[in-house]
Amino acid sequence: MANLRFRRAKATEKAACAVLGKKHLGGPGEPDCRGGGQVVEVKDLKRKLSKYDMKVILKKPWAKRRERVVASKSGFTPGAKELAADRGRTYLYKIQSSGRRRSSRRVYPRR
């Protein structure tokens, strides 16, 4: 069961990196993707990404003083969006899945 979740999360990471046009890295202590001066963290959760989850992501050493992209399959709570806006240079994307094709939509900050 845990192995299946790990494989699903890894597949979500790779698909999100491909959609965003970034190189997939993964692994402990590394962002999920990198490219174009941005680092990307992808979350494959059944619940929305909370403010606490966002704090943990923003405190990672590789995320400091860089432009960050956080992609989530389930979306973001209002607290997480607010925290990302306060920290600046953080873009939030919701990964949308329709069958076998995945896309992402920028949810915050709005263009």
Protein backbone atom coordinates (compact mmCIF):
# COMPACT_ATOMS: atom_id res chain seq x y z
CA MET A 1 0.00 0.00 0.00
CA ALA A 2 2.74 2.45 0.95
CA ASN A 3 4.71 1.52 -2.16
CA LEU A 4 1.67 2.30 -4.33
CA ARG A 5 1.30 5.75 -2.72
CA PHE A 6 5.00 6.42 -3.26
CA ARG A 7 4.77 5.49 -6.94
CA ARG A 8 1.64 7.62 -7.40
CA ALA A 9 3.31 10.62 -5.74
CA LYS A 10 6.44 10.18 -7.89
CA ALA A 11 4.29 9.99 -11.05
CA THR A 12 2.48 13.18 -10.00
CA GLU A 13 5.83 14.92 -9.45
CA LYS A 14 7.14 13.90 -12.87
CA ALA A 15 3.91 14.93 -14.63
CA ALA A 16 3.85 18.33 -12.89
CA CYS A 17 7.50 18.95 -13.74
CA ALA A 18 6.82 18.13 -17.39
CA VAL A 19 3.81 20.46 -17.52
CA LEU A 20 5.80 23.28 -15.89
CA GLY A 21 8.79 22.65 -18.18
CA LYS A 22 11.21 21.90 -15.35
CA LYS A 23 13.74 19.11 -14.78
CA HIS A 24 12.61 16.48 -12.26
CA LEU A 25 15.08 15.94 -9.39
CA GLY A 26 13.28 14.52 -6.35
CA GLY A 27 15.11 12.81 -3.52
CA PRO A 28 15.70 13.81 0.09
CA GLY A 29 16.91 17.36 0.66
CA GLU A 30 16.21 18.37 -2.94
CA PRO A 31 13.30 20.17 -4.58
CA ASP A 32 11.05 18.04 -6.76
CA CYS A 33 11.93 20.07 -9.89
CA ARG A 34 14.24 22.88 -10.89
CA GLY A 35 14.63 25.09 -13.92
CA GLY A 36 14.53 28.69 -15.12
CA GLY A 37 15.72 30.04 -11.76
CA GLN A 38 12.77 28.45 -9.95
CA VAL A 39 12.47 25.53 -7.57
CA VAL A 40 9.29 23.45 -7.47
CA GLU A 41 7.67 21.44 -4.68
CA VAL A 42 4.84 19.12 -5.73
CA LYS A 43 2.31 17.77 -3.21
CA ASP A 44 0.01 14.83 -3.91
CA LEU A 45 -2.40 15.02 -0.97
CA LYS A 46 -6.09 14.23 -0.65
CA ARG A 47 -6.65 17.33 1.48
CA LYS A 48 -5.87 20.93 0.63
CA LEU A 49 -2.37 22.15 1.43
CA SER A 50 -2.58 23.91 4.82
CA LYS A 51 -0.80 26.93 6.22
CA TYR A 52 1.40 24.61 8.32
CA ASP A 53 2.38 22.60 5.22
CA MET A 54 3.27 25.85 3.43
CA LYS A 55 5.45 26.95 6.38
CA VAL A 56 7.35 23.67 6.22
CA ILE A 57 7.96 24.09 2.47
CA LEU A 58 9.08 27.72 2.77
CA LYS A 59 11.56 26.84 5.56
CA LYS A 60 13.41 24.25 3.50
CA PRO A 61 17.03 25.34 2.88
CA TRP A 62 16.78 25.08 -0.90
CA ALA A 63 13.68 27.33 -0.92
CA LYS A 64 15.26 30.35 0.73
CA ARG A 65 16.07 33.40 -1.40
CA ARG A 66 14.71 31.77 -4.57
CA GLU A 67 11.59 31.98 -6.65
CA ARG A 68 9.38 29.07 -5.57
CA VAL A 69 6.56 27.18 -7.23
CA VAL A 70 4.30 25.00 -5.10
CA ALA A 71 2.02 22.64 -7.02
CA SER A 72 -0.76 20.73 -5.30
CA LYS A 73 -3.20 18.17 -6.60
CA SER A 74 -5.90 19.15 -4.08
CA GLY A 75 -5.51 22.94 -3.88
CA PHE A 76 -4.64 25.33 -1.07
CA THR A 77 -6.36 26.64 2.06
CA PRO A 78 -6.85 30.43 2.39
CA GLY A 79 -4.17 30.47 5.10
CA ALA A 80 -1.63 28.82 2.78
CA LYS A 81 -2.40 31.34 0.01
CA GLU A 82 -2.01 34.22 2.46
CA LEU A 83 1.33 32.92 3.75
CA ALA A 84 2.64 32.46 0.20
CA ALA A 85 1.62 36.04 -0.65
CA ASP A 86 3.32 37.40 2.50
CA ARG A 87 6.61 35.64 1.75
CA GLY A 88 6.68 36.85 -1.87
CA ARG A 89 8.14 35.15 -4.96
CA THR A 90 5.96 32.09 -4.36
CA TYR A 91 3.59 30.87 -7.06
CA LEU A 92 0.86 28.34 -6.41
CA TYR A 93 -0.45 25.94 -9.03
CA LYS A 94 -3.28 23.44 -8.81
CA ILE A 95 -2.62 20.28 -10.79
CA GLN A 96 -5.71 19.23 -12.69
CA SER A 97 -6.09 15.70 -13.91
CA SER A 98 -8.47 14.64 -16.64
CA GLY A 99 -7.98 11.03 -17.59
CA ARG A 100 -4.38 10.43 -18.65
CA ARG A 101 -3.48 14.07 -19.32
CA ARG A 102 -2.47 16.47 -16.57
CA SER A 103 -2.30 20.23 -16.65
CA SER A 104 -1.76 22.94 -14.10
CA ARG A 105 -3.51 26.20 -13.43
CA ARG A 106 -1.92 29.11 -11.60
CA VAL A 107 -4.13 29.95 -8.63
CA TYR A 108 -2.08 32.54 -6.78
CA PRO A 109 -0.96 35.25 -7.35
CA ARG A 110 -3.39 36.04 -10.09
CA ARG A 111 -2.02 37.44 -13.34
